[in-house]
Amino acid sequence: MPFAFWTFITSLVLLAGMSGIRAFELSSGQKLLEVSFVRKTDIFVHHFFHLIKRQISRISIKGTWKLIYKLSVQTKDWLVNFKKKYDSRQPKFFVKQTKNDITQKGSVSFFLKNVSDYKESIRNK
């Protein structure tokens, strides 16, 4: 089953449980769970947020931008390499020219080379 369905079921069960606890508290007239939970966790929550504030204050904005830039460049390079590896429609688009691809005659276009090859094949017949 999809993740969204199970998330919905979980939230529905939690909502029913919270409503049942709230109904019990209203009928008895005491707020047992809320007060005890806040008393137990209040100090821990304050310490946790103080720790988060202290750690965030150590982060420099300049370093963060450098990190984001490096990650974006590496992601771009990874995507280019991925496309180079799995692209079957335009494989020559990403292939770098090697020394074997350069002809000995200089800069002759592929069209002229194909025309000269075609003329030679006609002469040989």
PDB file of N, CA and C in Angstrom:
ATOM      1  N   MET A   1       0.839  -1.175   0.000  1.00  0.00           N
ATOM      2  CA  MET A   1       0.000   0.000   0.000  1.00  0.00           C
ATOM      3  C   MET A   1       0.886   1.242   0.000  1.00  0.00           C
ATOM      4  N   PRO A   2       0.389   2.318  -0.520  1.00  0.00           N
ATOM      5  CA  PRO A   2       1.198   3.533  -0.606  1.00  0.00           C
ATOM      6  C   PRO A   2       1.509   4.135   0.762  1.00  0.00           C
ATOM      7  N   PHE A   3       2.576   4.903   0.768  1.00  0.00           N
ATOM      8  CA  PHE A   3       3.038   5.563   1.988  1.00  0.00           C
ATOM      9  C   PHE A   3       1.989   6.535   2.521  1.00  0.00           C
ATOM     10  N   ALA A   4       1.316   7.250   1.634  1.00  0.00           N
ATOM     11  CA  ALA A   4       0.318   8.245   2.053  1.00  0.00           C
ATOM     12  C   ALA A   4      -0.844   7.579   2.798  1.00  0.00           C
ATOM     13  N   PHE A   5      -1.229   6.382   2.370  1.00  0.00           N
ATOM     14  CA  PHE A   5      -2.328   5.673   3.027  1.00  0.00           C
ATOM     15  C   PHE A   5      -1.955   5.331   4.468  1.00  0.00           C
ATOM     16  N   TRP A   6      -0.750   4.800   4.664  1.00  0.00           N
ATOM     17  CA  TRP A   6      -0.327   4.414   6.006  1.00  0.00           C
ATOM     18  C   TRP A   6      -0.126   5.641   6.895  1.00  0.00           C
ATOM     19  N   THR A   7       0.319   6.732   6.311  1.00  0.00           N
ATOM     20  CA  THR A   7       0.444   7.969   7.076  1.00  0.00           C
ATOM     21  C   THR A   7      -0.930   8.452   7.532  1.00  0.00           C
ATOM     22  N   PHE A   8      -1.915   8.342   6.665  1.00  0.00           N
ATOM     23  CA  PHE A   8      -3.280   8.740   7.003  1.00  0.00           C
ATOM     24  C   PHE A   8      -3.837   7.867   8.120  1.00  0.00           C
ATOM     25  N   ILE A   9      -3.628   6.566   8.032  1.00  0.00           N
ATOM     26  CA  ILE A   9      -4.132   5.647   9.055  1.00  0.00           C
ATOM     27  C   ILE A   9      -3.473   5.946  10.402  1.00  0.00           C
ATOM     28  N   THR A  10      -2.150   6.182  10.391  1.00  0.00           N
ATOM     29  CA  THR A  10      -1.436   6.485  11.626  1.00  0.00           C
ATOM     30  C   THR A  10      -1.950   7.775  12.260  1.00  0.00           C
ATOM     31  N   SER A  11      -2.133   8.811  11.438  1.00  0.00           N
ATOM     32  CA  SER A  11      -2.632  10.082  11.978  1.00  0.00           C
ATOM     33  C   SER A  11      -4.063   9.929  12.490  1.00  0.00           C
ATOM     34  N   LEU A  12      -4.858   9.096  11.846  1.00  0.00           N
ATOM     35  CA  LEU A  12      -6.231   8.878  12.293  1.00  0.00           C
ATOM     36  C   LEU A  12      -6.249   8.178  13.651  1.00  0.00           C
ATOM     37  N   VAL A  13      -5.387   7.176  13.836  1.00  0.00           N
ATOM     38  CA  VAL A  13      -5.313   6.474  15.121  1.00  0.00           C
ATOM     39  C   VAL A  13      -4.813   7.411  16.215  1.00  0.00           C
ATOM     40  N   LEU A  14      -3.800   8.216  15.926  1.00  0.00           N
ATOM     41  CA  LEU A  14      -3.288   9.164  16.918  1.00  0.00           C
ATOM     42  C   LEU A  14      -4.335  10.212  17.280  1.00  0.00           C
ATOM     43  N   LEU A  15      -5.085  10.678  16.293  1.00  0.00           N
ATOM     44  CA  LEU A  15      -6.134  11.663  16.553  1.00  0.00           C
ATOM     45  C   LEU A  15      -7.227  11.074  17.435  1.00  0.00           C
ATOM     46  N   ALA A  16      -7.594   9.821  17.168  1.00  0.00           N
ATOM     47  CA  ALA A  16      -8.611   9.174  18.000  1.00  0.00           C
ATOM     48  C   ALA A  16      -8.100   9.003  19.429  1.00  0.00           C
ATOM     49  N   GLY A  17      -6.836   8.618  19.582  1.00  0.00           N
ATOM     50  CA  GLY A  17      -6.268   8.468  20.922  1.00  0.00           C
ATOM     51  C   GLY A  17      -6.215   9.783  21.673  1.00  0.00           C
ATOM     52  N   MET A  18      -5.787  10.852  20.992  1.00  0.00           N
ATOM     53  CA  MET A  18      -5.733  12.163  21.638  1.00  0.00           C
ATOM     54  C   MET A  18      -7.130  12.646  22.026  1.00  0.00           C
ATOM     55  N   SER A  19      -8.113  12.391  21.184  1.00  0.00           N
ATOM     56  CA  SER A  19      -9.488  12.790  21.503  1.00  0.00           C
ATOM     57  C   SER A  19     -10.012  12.001  22.693  1.00  0.00           C
ATOM     58  N   GLY A  20      -9.679  10.720  22.768  1.00  0.00           N
ATOM     59  CA  GLY A  20     -10.108   9.904  23.907  1.00  0.00           C
ATOM     60  C   GLY A  20      -9.479  10.378  25.204  1.00  0.00           C
ATOM     61  N   ILE A  21      -8.183  10.698  25.175  1.00  0.00           N
ATOM     62  CA  ILE A  21      -7.507  11.201  26.373  1.00  0.00           C
ATOM     63  C   ILE A  21      -8.105  12.533  26.807  1.00  0.00           C
ATOM     64  N   ARG A  22      -8.371  13.399  25.843  1.00  0.00           N
ATOM     65  CA  ARG A  22      -8.954  14.712  26.155  1.00  0.00           C
ATOM     66  C   ARG A  22     -10.358  14.559  26.746  1.00  0.00           C
ATOM     67  N   ALA A  23     -11.132  13.615  26.213  1.00  0.00           N
ATOM     68  CA  ALA A  23     -12.478  13.380  26.756  1.00  0.00           C
ATOM     69  C   ALA A  23     -12.382  12.870  28.193  1.00  0.00           C
ATOM     70  N   PHE A  24     -11.417  12.000  28.489  1.00  0.00           N
ATOM     71  CA  PHE A  24     -11.222  11.510  29.851  1.00  0.00           C
ATOM     72  C   PHE A  24     -10.836  12.651  30.790  1.00  0.00           C
ATOM     73  N   GLU A  25      -9.934  13.529  30.318  1.00  0.00           N
ATOM     74  CA  GLU A  25      -9.524  14.653  31.158  1.00  0.00           C
ATOM     75  C   GLU A  25     -10.676  15.607  31.425  1.00  0.00           C
ATOM     76  N   LEU A  26     -11.511  15.863  30.426  1.00  0.00           N
ATOM     77  CA  LEU A  26     -12.639  16.770  30.617  1.00  0.00           C
ATOM     78  C   LEU A  26     -13.683  16.167  31.546  1.00  0.00           C
ATOM     79  N   SER A  27     -13.892  14.858  31.446  1.00  0.00           N
ATOM     80  CA  SER A  27     -14.903  14.238  32.309  1.00  0.00           C
ATOM     81  C   SER A  27     -14.427  14.148  33.760  1.00  0.00           C
ATOM     82  N   SER A  28     -13.130  13.964  33.964  1.00  0.00           N
ATOM     83  CA  SER A  28     -12.615  13.874  35.336  1.00  0.00           C
ATOM     84  C   SER A  28     -12.324  15.247  35.923  1.00  0.00           C
ATOM     85  N   GLY A  29     -12.142  16.252  35.085  1.00  0.00           N
ATOM     86  CA  GLY A  29     -11.890  17.608  35.563  1.00  0.00           C
ATOM     87  C   GLY A  29     -10.435  17.895  35.861  1.00  0.00           C
ATOM     88  N   GLN A  30      -9.544  16.976  35.570  1.00  0.00           N
ATOM     89  CA  GLN A  30      -8.126  17.189  35.832  1.00  0.00           C
ATOM     90  C   GLN A  30      -7.346  17.070  34.526  1.00  0.00           C
ATOM     91  N   LYS A  31      -6.267  17.864  34.413  1.00  0.00           N
ATOM     92  CA  LYS A  31      -5.407  17.807  33.238  1.00  0.00           C
ATOM     93  C   LYS A  31      -4.136  17.045  33.611  1.00  0.00           C
ATOM     94  N   LEU A  32      -4.280  15.771  33.787  1.00  0.00           N
ATOM     95  CA  LEU A  32      -3.182  14.963  34.297  1.00  0.00           C
ATOM     96  C   LEU A  32      -2.033  14.848  33.296  1.00  0.00           C
ATOM     97  N   LEU A  33      -2.352  14.476  32.094  1.00  0.00           N
ATOM     98  CA  LEU A  33      -1.304  14.167  31.133  1.00  0.00           C
ATOM     99  C   LEU A  33      -0.561  15.412  30.654  1.00  0.00           C
ATOM    100  N   GLU A  34      -1.293  16.476  30.383  1.00  0.00           N
ATOM    101  CA  GLU A  34      -0.652  17.682  29.873  1.00  0.00           C
ATOM    102  C   GLU A  34       0.295  18.296  30.895  1.00  0.00           C
ATOM    103  N   VAL A  35      -0.159  18.428  32.111  1.00  0.00           N
ATOM    104  CA  VAL A  35       0.642  19.078  33.140  1.00  0.00           C
ATOM    105  C   VAL A  35       1.868  18.251  33.483  1.00  0.00           C
ATOM    106  N   SER A  36       1.703  16.961  33.634  1.00  0.00           N
ATOM    107  CA  SER A  36       2.847  16.115  33.991  1.00  0.00           C
ATOM    108  C   SER A  36       3.848  16.055  32.839  1.00  0.00           C
ATOM    109  N   PHE A  37       3.352  16.014  31.616  1.00  0.00           N
ATOM    110  CA  PHE A  37       4.252  15.958  30.461  1.00  0.00           C
ATOM    111  C   PHE A  37       5.049  17.258  30.344  1.00  0.00           C
ATOM    112  N   VAL A  38       4.393  18.403  30.536  1.00  0.00           N
ATOM    113  CA  VAL A  38       5.086  19.692  30.436  1.00  0.00           C
ATOM    114  C   VAL A  38       6.103  19.832  31.559  1.00  0.00           C
ATOM    115  N   ARG A  39       5.758  19.410  32.764  1.00  0.00           N
ATOM    116  CA  ARG A  39       6.699  19.512  33.885  1.00  0.00           C
ATOM    117  C   ARG A  39       7.944  18.652  33.667  1.00  0.00           C
ATOM    118  N   LYS A  40       7.760  17.479  33.077  1.00  0.00           N
ATOM    119  CA  LYS A  40       8.895  16.575  32.862  1.00  0.00           C
ATOM    120  C   LYS A  40       9.793  17.023  31.712  1.00  0.00           C
ATOM    121  N   THR A  41       9.209  17.573  30.671  1.00  0.00           N
ATOM    122  CA  THR A  41       9.988  17.842  29.455  1.00  0.00           C
ATOM    123  C   THR A  41      10.360  19.302  29.256  1.00  0.00           C
ATOM    124  N   ASP A  42       9.902  20.190  30.101  1.00  0.00           N
ATOM    125  CA  ASP A  42      10.161  21.611  29.887  1.00  0.00           C
ATOM    126  C   ASP A  42      11.649  21.932  29.923  1.00  0.00           C
ATOM    127  N   ILE A  43      12.374  21.417  30.880  1.00  0.00           N
ATOM    128  CA  ILE A  43      13.808  21.690  30.999  1.00  0.00           C
ATOM    129  C   ILE A  43      14.566  21.106  29.813  1.00  0.00           C
ATOM    130  N   PHE A  44      14.189  19.887  29.417  1.00  0.00           N
ATOM    131  CA  PHE A  44      14.875  19.253  28.288  1.00  0.00           C
ATOM    132  C   PHE A  44      14.652  20.010  26.991  1.00  0.00           C
ATOM    133  N   VAL A  45      13.442  20.508  26.797  1.00  0.00           N
ATOM    134  CA  VAL A  45      13.138  21.266  25.582  1.00  0.00           C
ATOM    135  C   VAL A  45      13.948  22.553  25.548  1.00  0.00           C
ATOM    136  N   HIS A  46      14.056  23.243  26.658  1.00  0.00           N
ATOM    137  CA  HIS A  46      14.839  24.480  26.705  1.00  0.00           C
ATOM    138  C   HIS A  46      16.325  24.213  26.453  1.00  0.00           C
ATOM    139  N   HIS A  47      16.851  23.146  27.042  1.00  0.00           N
ATOM    140  CA  HIS A  47      18.252  22.794  26.797  1.00  0.00           C
ATOM    141  C   HIS A  47      18.483  22.428  25.333  1.00  0.00           C
ATOM    142  N   PHE A  48      17.550  21.705  24.755  1.00  0.00           N
ATOM    143  CA  PHE A  48      17.667  21.298  23.353  1.00  0.00           C
ATOM    144  C   PHE A  48      17.692  22.521  22.426  1.00  0.00           C
ATOM    145  N   PHE A  49      16.778  23.458  22.632  1.00  0.00           N
ATOM    146  CA  PHE A  49      16.752  24.642  21.774  1.00  0.00           C
ATOM    147  C   PHE A  49      17.964  25.543  22.002  1.00  0.00           C
ATOM    148  N   HIS A  50      18.458  25.600  23.232  1.00  0.00           N
ATOM    149  CA  HIS A  50      19.676  26.360  23.504  1.00  0.00           C
ATOM    150  C   HIS A  50      20.863  25.731  22.767  1.00  0.00           C
ATOM    151  N   LEU A  51      20.939  24.416  22.755  1.00  0.00           N
ATOM    152  CA  LEU A  51      22.008  23.722  22.037  1.00  0.00           C
ATOM    153  C   LEU A  51      21.914  23.977  20.529  1.00  0.00           C
ATOM    154  N   ILE A  52      20.723  23.958  19.982  1.00  0.00           N
ATOM    155  CA  ILE A  52      20.533  24.220  18.544  1.00  0.00           C
ATOM    156  C   ILE A  52      20.941  25.647  18.205  1.00  0.00           C
ATOM    157  N   LYS A  53      20.548  26.625  19.035  1.00  0.00           N
ATOM    158  CA  LYS A  53      20.925  28.018  18.784  1.00  0.00           C
ATOM    159  C   LYS A  53      22.441  28.195  18.812  1.00  0.00           C
ATOM    160  N   ARG A  54      23.102  27.548  19.763  1.00  0.00           N
ATOM    161  CA  ARG A  54      24.549  27.664  19.864  1.00  0.00           C
ATOM    162  C   ARG A  54      25.244  27.043  18.654  1.00  0.00           C
ATOM    163  N   GLN A  55      24.754  25.904  18.175  1.00  0.00           N
ATOM    164  CA  GLN A  55      25.374  25.258  17.018  1.00  0.00           C
ATOM    165  C   GLN A  55      25.132  26.067  15.735  1.00  0.00           C
ATOM    166  N   ILE A  56      23.960  26.647  15.592  1.00  0.00           N
ATOM    167  CA  ILE A  56      23.656  27.435  14.395  1.00  0.00           C
ATOM    168  C   ILE A  56      24.473  28.722  14.378  1.00  0.00           C
ATOM    169  N   SER A  57      24.760  29.288  15.548  1.00  0.00           N
ATOM    170  CA  SER A  57      25.546  30.527  15.586  1.00  0.00           C
ATOM    171  C   SER A  57      26.991  30.292  15.142  1.00  0.00           C
ATOM    172  N   ARG A  58      27.463  29.062  15.161  1.00  0.00           N
ATOM    173  CA  ARG A  58      28.832  28.748  14.729  1.00  0.00           C
ATOM    174  C   ARG A  58      28.969  28.634  13.210  1.00  0.00           C
ATOM    175  N   ILE A  59      27.881  28.533  12.507  1.00  0.00           N
ATOM    176  CA  ILE A  59      27.912  28.357  11.055  1.00  0.00           C
ATOM    177  C   ILE A  59      28.108  29.713  10.391  1.00  0.00           C
ATOM    178  N   SER A  60      29.092  29.782   9.474  1.00  0.00           N
ATOM    179  CA  SER A  60      29.293  31.039   8.748  1.00  0.00           C
ATOM    180  C   SER A  60      28.504  30.999   7.442  1.00  0.00           C
ATOM    181  N   ILE A  61      27.983  32.144   7.066  1.00  0.00           N
ATOM    182  CA  ILE A  61      27.171  32.222   5.852  1.00  0.00           C
ATOM    183  C   ILE A  61      28.045  32.033   4.622  1.00  0.00           C
ATOM    184  N   LYS A  62      29.254  32.580   4.649  1.00  0.00           N
ATOM    185  CA  LYS A  62      30.160  32.451   3.508  1.00  0.00           C
ATOM    186  C   LYS A  62      30.515  30.982   3.265  1.00  0.00           C
ATOM    187  N   GLY A  63      30.801  30.248   4.325  1.00  0.00           N
ATOM    188  CA  GLY A  63      31.109  28.832   4.192  1.00  0.00           C
ATOM    189  C   GLY A  63      29.916  28.036   3.699  1.00  0.00           C
ATOM    190  N   THR A  64      28.727  28.433   4.122  1.00  0.00           N
ATOM    191  CA  THR A  64      27.515  27.746   3.673  1.00  0.00           C
ATOM    192  C   THR A  64      27.316  27.936   2.185  1.00  0.00           C
ATOM    193  N   TRP A  65      27.529  29.160   1.689  1.00  0.00           N
ATOM    194  CA  TRP A  65      27.375  29.396   0.255  1.00  0.00           C
ATOM    195  C   TRP A  65      28.423  28.634  -0.543  1.00  0.00           C
ATOM    196  N   LYS A  66      29.652  28.540  -0.025  1.00  0.00           N
ATOM    197  CA  LYS A  66      30.689  27.765  -0.711  1.00  0.00           C
ATOM    198  C   LYS A  66      30.305  26.292  -0.786  1.00  0.00           C
ATOM    199  N   LEU A  67      29.762  25.776   0.308  1.00  0.00           N
ATOM    200  CA  LEU A  67      29.335  24.379   0.332  1.00  0.00           C
ATOM    201  C   LEU A  67      28.203  24.128  -0.663  1.00  0.00           C
ATOM    202  N   ILE A  68      27.232  25.028  -0.707  1.00  0.00           N
ATOM    203  CA  ILE A  68      26.117  24.878  -1.648  1.00  0.00           C
ATOM    204  C   ILE A  68      26.631  24.935  -3.082  1.00  0.00           C
ATOM    205  N   TYR A  69      27.573  25.838  -3.363  1.00  0.00           N
ATOM    206  CA  TYR A  69      28.136  25.950  -4.711  1.00  0.00           C
ATOM    207  C   TYR A  69      28.874  24.664  -5.105  1.00  0.00           C
ATOM    208  N   LYS A  70      29.710  24.150  -4.183  1.00  0.00           N
ATOM    209  CA  LYS A  70      30.445  22.926  -4.500  1.00  0.00           C
ATOM    210  C   LYS A  70      29.503  21.750  -4.722  1.00  0.00           C
ATOM    211  N   LEU A  71      28.458  21.651  -3.907  1.00  0.00           N
ATOM    212  CA  LEU A  71      27.498  20.569  -4.080  1.00  0.00           C
ATOM    213  C   LEU A  71      26.758  20.676  -5.405  1.00  0.00           C
ATOM    214  N   SER A  72      26.415  21.904  -5.822  1.00  0.00           N
ATOM    215  CA  SER A  72      25.711  22.065  -7.095  1.00  0.00           C
ATOM    216  C   SER A  72      26.619  21.734  -8.273  1.00  0.00           C
ATOM    217  N   VAL A  73      27.903  22.097  -8.193  1.00  0.00           N
ATOM    218  CA  VAL A  73      28.841  21.763  -9.268  1.00  0.00           C
ATOM    219  C   VAL A  73      29.039  20.253  -9.347  1.00  0.00           C
ATOM    220  N   GLN A  74      29.184  19.598  -8.201  1.00  0.00           N
ATOM    221  CA  GLN A  74      29.357  18.147  -8.207  1.00  0.00           C
ATOM    222  C   GLN A  74      28.107  17.444  -8.708  1.00  0.00           C
ATOM    223  N   THR A  75      26.938  17.959  -8.372  1.00  0.00           N
ATOM    224  CA  THR A  75      25.691  17.372  -8.856  1.00  0.00           C
ATOM    225  C   THR A  75      25.582  17.528 -10.367  1.00  0.00           C
ATOM    226  N   LYS A  76      25.959  18.707 -10.878  1.00  0.00           N
ATOM    227  CA  LYS A  76      25.925  18.917 -12.324  1.00  0.00           C
ATOM    228  C   LYS A  76      26.877  17.955 -13.030  1.00  0.00           C
ATOM    229  N   ASP A  77      28.100  17.815 -12.506  1.00  0.00           N
ATOM    230  CA  ASP A  77      29.065  16.892 -13.105  1.00  0.00           C
ATOM    231  C   ASP A  77      28.564  15.454 -13.064  1.00  0.00           C
ATOM    232  N   TRP A  78      27.935  15.078 -11.943  1.00  0.00           N
ATOM    233  CA  TRP A  78      27.401  13.726 -11.838  1.00  0.00           C
ATOM    234  C   TRP A  78      26.288  13.499 -12.871  1.00  0.00           C
ATOM    235  N   LEU A  79      25.409  14.494 -13.045  1.00  0.00           N
ATOM    236  CA  LEU A  79      24.334  14.359 -14.023  1.00  0.00           C
ATOM    237  C   LEU A  79      24.872  14.268 -15.444  1.00  0.00           C
ATOM    238  N   VAL A  80      25.913  15.036 -15.767  1.00  0.00           N
ATOM    239  CA  VAL A  80      26.518  14.974 -17.097  1.00  0.00           C
ATOM    240  C   VAL A  80      27.128  13.597 -17.315  1.00  0.00           C
ATOM    241  N   ASN A  81      27.845  13.075 -16.330  1.00  0.00           N
ATOM    242  CA  ASN A  81      28.423  11.741 -16.462  1.00  0.00           C
ATOM    243  C   ASN A  81      27.354  10.668 -16.560  1.00  0.00           C
ATOM    244  N   PHE A  82      26.279  10.823 -15.808  1.00  0.00           N
ATOM    245  CA  PHE A  82      25.170   9.862 -15.876  1.00  0.00           C
ATOM    246  C   PHE A  82      24.531   9.877 -17.261  1.00  0.00           C
ATOM    247  N   LYS A  83      24.309  11.085 -17.791  1.00  0.00           N
ATOM    248  CA  LYS A  83      23.713  11.205 -19.120  1.00  0.00           C
ATOM    249  C   LYS A  83      24.665  10.666 -20.181  1.00  0.00           C
ATOM    250  N   LYS A  84      25.943  10.909 -19.999  1.00  0.00           N
ATOM    251  CA  LYS A  84      26.944  10.421 -20.937  1.00  0.00           C
ATOM    252  C   LYS A  84      26.940   8.888 -20.977  1.00  0.00           C
ATOM    253  N   LYS A  85      26.722   8.285 -19.827  1.00  0.00           N
ATOM    254  CA  LYS A  85      26.782   6.832 -19.732  1.00  0.00           C
ATOM    255  C   LYS A  85      25.529   6.164 -20.294  1.00  0.00           C
ATOM    256  N   TYR A  86      24.356   6.760 -20.076  1.00  0.00           N
ATOM    257  CA  TYR A  86      23.105   6.092 -20.419  1.00  0.00           C
ATOM    258  C   TYR A  86      22.341   6.713 -21.584  1.00  0.00           C
ATOM    259  N   ASP A  87      22.844   7.765 -22.183  1.00  0.00           N
ATOM    260  CA  ASP A  87      22.133   8.385 -23.292  1.00  0.00           C
ATOM    261  C   ASP A  87      22.462   7.636 -24.567  1.00  0.00           C
ATOM    262  N   SER A  88      21.450   7.076 -25.211  1.00  0.00           N
ATOM    263  CA  SER A  88      21.699   6.319 -26.437  1.00  0.00           C
ATOM    264  C   SER A  88      21.317   7.108 -27.688  1.00  0.00           C
ATOM    265  N   ARG A  89      20.567   8.168 -27.542  1.00  0.00           N
ATOM    266  CA  ARG A  89      20.122   8.920 -28.713  1.00  0.00           C
ATOM    267  C   ARG A  89      21.214   9.831 -29.257  1.00  0.00           C
ATOM    268  N   GLN A  90      21.970  10.495 -28.369  1.00  0.00           N
ATOM    269  CA  GLN A  90      22.994  11.432 -28.809  1.00  0.00           C
ATOM    270  C   GLN A  90      24.319  11.135 -28.108  1.00  0.00           C
ATOM    271  N   PRO A  91      24.941   9.998 -28.397  1.00  0.00           N
ATOM    272  CA  PRO A  91      26.170   9.689 -27.675  1.00  0.00           C
ATOM    273  C   PRO A  91      27.335  10.583 -28.066  1.00  0.00           C
ATOM    274  N   LYS A  92      27.352  11.116 -29.296  1.00  0.00           N
ATOM    275  CA  LYS A  92      28.478  11.936 -29.740  1.00  0.00           C
ATOM    276  C   LYS A  92      28.430  13.340 -29.160  1.00  0.00           C
ATOM    277  N   PHE A  93      27.303  13.713 -28.582  1.00  0.00           N
ATOM    278  CA  PHE A  93      27.168  15.052 -28.021  1.00  0.00           C
ATOM    279  C   PHE A  93      28.120  15.253 -26.848  1.00  0.00           C
ATOM    280  N   PHE A  94      28.339  14.212 -26.061  1.00  0.00           N
ATOM    281  CA  PHE A  94      29.163  14.333 -24.868  1.00  0.00           C
ATOM    282  C   PHE A  94      30.570  13.774 -25.048  1.00  0.00           C
ATOM    283  N   VAL A  95      30.831  13.076 -26.144  1.00  0.00           N
ATOM    284  CA  VAL A  95      32.124  12.435 -26.315  1.00  0.00           C
ATOM    285  C   VAL A  95      33.164  13.485 -26.694  1.00  0.00           C
ATOM    286  N   LYS A  96      34.312  13.454 -26.000  1.00  0.00           N
ATOM    287  CA  LYS A  96      35.382  14.385 -26.314  1.00  0.00           C
ATOM    288  C   LYS A  96      36.147  13.866 -27.526  1.00  0.00           C
ATOM    289  N   GLN A  97      36.681  14.791 -28.287  1.00  0.00           N
ATOM    290  CA  GLN A  97      37.411  14.413 -29.482  1.00  0.00           C
ATOM    291  C   GLN A  97      38.789  13.893 -29.088  1.00  0.00           C
ATOM    292  N   THR A  98      39.161  12.752 -29.665  1.00  0.00           N
ATOM    293  CA  THR A  98      40.470  12.166 -29.373  1.00  0.00           C
ATOM    294  C   THR A  98      41.395  12.391 -30.564  1.00  0.00           C
ATOM    295  N   LYS A  99      42.648  12.014 -30.409  1.00  0.00           N
ATOM    296  CA  LYS A  99      43.613  12.214 -31.485  1.00  0.00           C
ATOM    297  C   LYS A  99      43.289  11.342 -32.694  1.00  0.00           C
ATOM    298  N   ASN A 100      42.656  10.198 -32.467  1.00  0.00           N
ATOM    299  CA  ASN A 100      42.307   9.314 -33.575  1.00  0.00           C
ATOM    300  C   ASN A 100      41.199   9.903 -34.443  1.00  0.00           C
ATOM    301  N   ASP A 101      40.375  10.750 -33.862  1.00  0.00           N
ATOM    302  CA  ASP A 101      39.280  11.347 -34.627  1.00  0.00           C
ATOM    303  C   ASP A 101      39.758  12.456 -35.561  1.00  0.00           C
ATOM    304  N   ILE A 102      40.899  13.042 -35.267  1.00  0.00           N
ATOM    305  CA  ILE A 102      41.414  14.130 -36.098  1.00  0.00           C
ATOM    306  C   ILE A 102      42.045  13.525 -37.351  1.00  0.00           C
ATOM    307  N   THR A 103      41.652  14.017 -38.490  1.00  0.00           N
ATOM    308  CA  THR A 103      42.172  13.473 -39.753  1.00  0.00           C
ATOM    309  C   THR A 103      43.542  14.052 -40.051  1.00  0.00           C
ATOM    310  N   GLN A 104      44.251  13.381 -40.905  1.00  0.00           N
ATOM    311  CA  GLN A 104      45.592  13.817 -41.285  1.00  0.00           C
ATOM    312  C   GLN A 104      45.540  14.990 -42.266  1.00  0.00           C
ATOM    313  N   LYS A 105      44.435  15.182 -42.977  1.00  0.00           N
ATOM    314  CA  LYS A 105      44.336  16.205 -44.008  1.00  0.00           C
ATOM    315  C   LYS A 105      44.065  17.593 -43.442  1.00  0.00           C
ATOM    316  N   GLY A 106      43.855  17.709 -42.177  1.00  0.00           N
ATOM    317  CA  GLY A 106      43.555  19.022 -41.602  1.00  0.00           C
ATOM    318  C   GLY A 106      42.086  19.128 -41.270  1.00  0.00           C
ATOM    319  N   SER A 107      41.567  20.339 -41.348  1.00  0.00           N
ATOM    320  CA  SER A 107      40.184  20.559 -40.952  1.00  0.00           C
ATOM    321  C   SER A 107      39.253  20.392 -42.150  1.00  0.00           C
ATOM    322  N   VAL A 108      38.906  19.170 -42.447  1.00  0.00           N
ATOM    323  CA  VAL A 108      37.966  18.861 -43.527  1.00  0.00           C
ATOM    324  C   VAL A 108      36.644  18.504 -42.868  1.00  0.00           C
ATOM    325  N   SER A 109      35.576  19.063 -43.350  1.00  0.00           N
ATOM    326  CA  SER A 109      34.283  18.771 -42.743  1.00  0.00           C
ATOM    327  C   SER A 109      33.873  17.336 -43.072  1.00  0.00           C
ATOM    328  N   PHE A 110      32.997  16.811 -42.246  1.00  0.00           N
ATOM    329  CA  PHE A 110      32.551  15.433 -42.437  1.00  0.00           C
ATOM    330  C   PHE A 110      31.776  15.287 -43.740  1.00  0.00           C
ATOM    331  N   PHE A 111      31.051  16.320 -44.121  1.00  0.00           N
ATOM    332  CA  PHE A 111      30.292  16.251 -45.368  1.00  0.00           C
ATOM    333  C   PHE A 111      31.233  16.096 -46.563  1.00  0.00           C
ATOM    334  N   LEU A 112      32.292  16.921 -46.613  1.00  0.00           N
ATOM    335  CA  LEU A 112      33.235  16.812 -47.726  1.00  0.00           C
ATOM    336  C   LEU A 112      33.970  15.476 -47.703  1.00  0.00           C
ATOM    337  N   LYS A 113      34.270  14.979 -46.519  1.00  0.00           N
ATOM    338  CA  LYS A 113      34.931  13.686 -46.413  1.00  0.00           C
ATOM    339  C   LYS A 113      34.016  12.586 -46.931  1.00  0.00           C
ATOM    340  N   ASN A 114      32.737  12.646 -46.582  1.00  0.00           N
ATOM    341  CA  ASN A 114      31.788  11.642 -47.072  1.00  0.00           C
ATOM    342  C   ASN A 114      31.616  11.734 -48.582  1.00  0.00           C
ATOM    343  N   VAL A 115      31.629  12.943 -49.118  1.00  0.00           N
ATOM    344  CA  VAL A 115      31.505  13.117 -50.570  1.00  0.00           C
ATOM    345  C   VAL A 115      32.718  12.522 -51.270  1.00  0.00           C
ATOM    346  N   SER A 116      33.915  12.792 -50.745  1.00  0.00           N
ATOM    347  CA  SER A 116      35.114  12.240 -51.387  1.00  0.00           C
ATOM    348  C   SER A 116      35.146  10.719 -51.271  1.00  0.00           C
ATOM    349  N   ASP A 117      34.694  10.173 -50.162  1.00  0.00           N
ATOM    350  CA  ASP A 117      34.623   8.707 -50.024  1.00  0.00           C
ATOM    351  C   ASP A 117      33.627   8.120 -51.014  1.00  0.00           C
ATOM    352  N   TYR A 118      32.515   8.808 -51.214  1.00  0.00           N
ATOM    353  CA  TYR A 118      31.512   8.330 -52.146  1.00  0.00           C
ATOM    354  C   TYR A 118      32.055   8.349 -53.575  1.00  0.00           C
ATOM    355  N   LYS A 119      32.776   9.420 -53.948  1.00  0.00           N
ATOM    356  CA  LYS A 119      33.354   9.507 -55.298  1.00  0.00           C
ATOM    357  C   LYS A 119      34.380   8.401 -55.521  1.00  0.00           C
ATOM    358  N   GLU A 120      35.189   8.118 -54.511  1.00  0.00           N
ATOM    359  CA  GLU A 120      36.180   7.049 -54.641  1.00  0.00           C
ATOM    360  C   GLU A 120      35.504   5.696 -54.791  1.00  0.00           C
ATOM    361  N   SER A 121      34.378   5.490 -54.066  1.00  0.00           N
ATOM    362  CA  SER A 121      33.697   4.214 -54.196  1.00  0.00           C
ATOM    363  C   SER A 121      33.070   4.058 -55.582  1.00  0.00           C
ATOM    364  N   ILE A 122      32.637   5.158 -56.189  1.00  0.00           N
ATOM    365  CA  ILE A 122      32.082   5.088 -57.539  1.00  0.00           C
ATOM    366  C   ILE A 122      33.194   4.779 -58.543  1.00  0.00           C
ATOM    367  N   ARG A 123      34.368   5.373 -58.383  1.00  0.00           N
ATOM    368  CA  ARG A 123      35.478   5.129 -59.285  1.00  0.00           C
ATOM    369  C   ARG A 123      35.954   3.703 -59.228  1.00  0.00           C
ATOM    370  N   ASN A 124      35.911   3.121 -58.032  1.00  0.00           N
ATOM    371  CA  ASN A 124      36.384   1.747 -57.868  1.00  0.00           C
ATOM    372  C   ASN A 124      35.433   0.745 -58.510  1.00  0.00           C
ATOM    373  N   LYS A 125      34.202   1.104 -58.743  1.00  0.00           N
ATOM    374  CA  LYS A 125      33.251   0.180 -59.377  1.00  0.00           C
ATOM    375  C   LYS A 125      33.561   0.145 -60.837  1.00  0.00           C
TER     376      LYS A 125
END
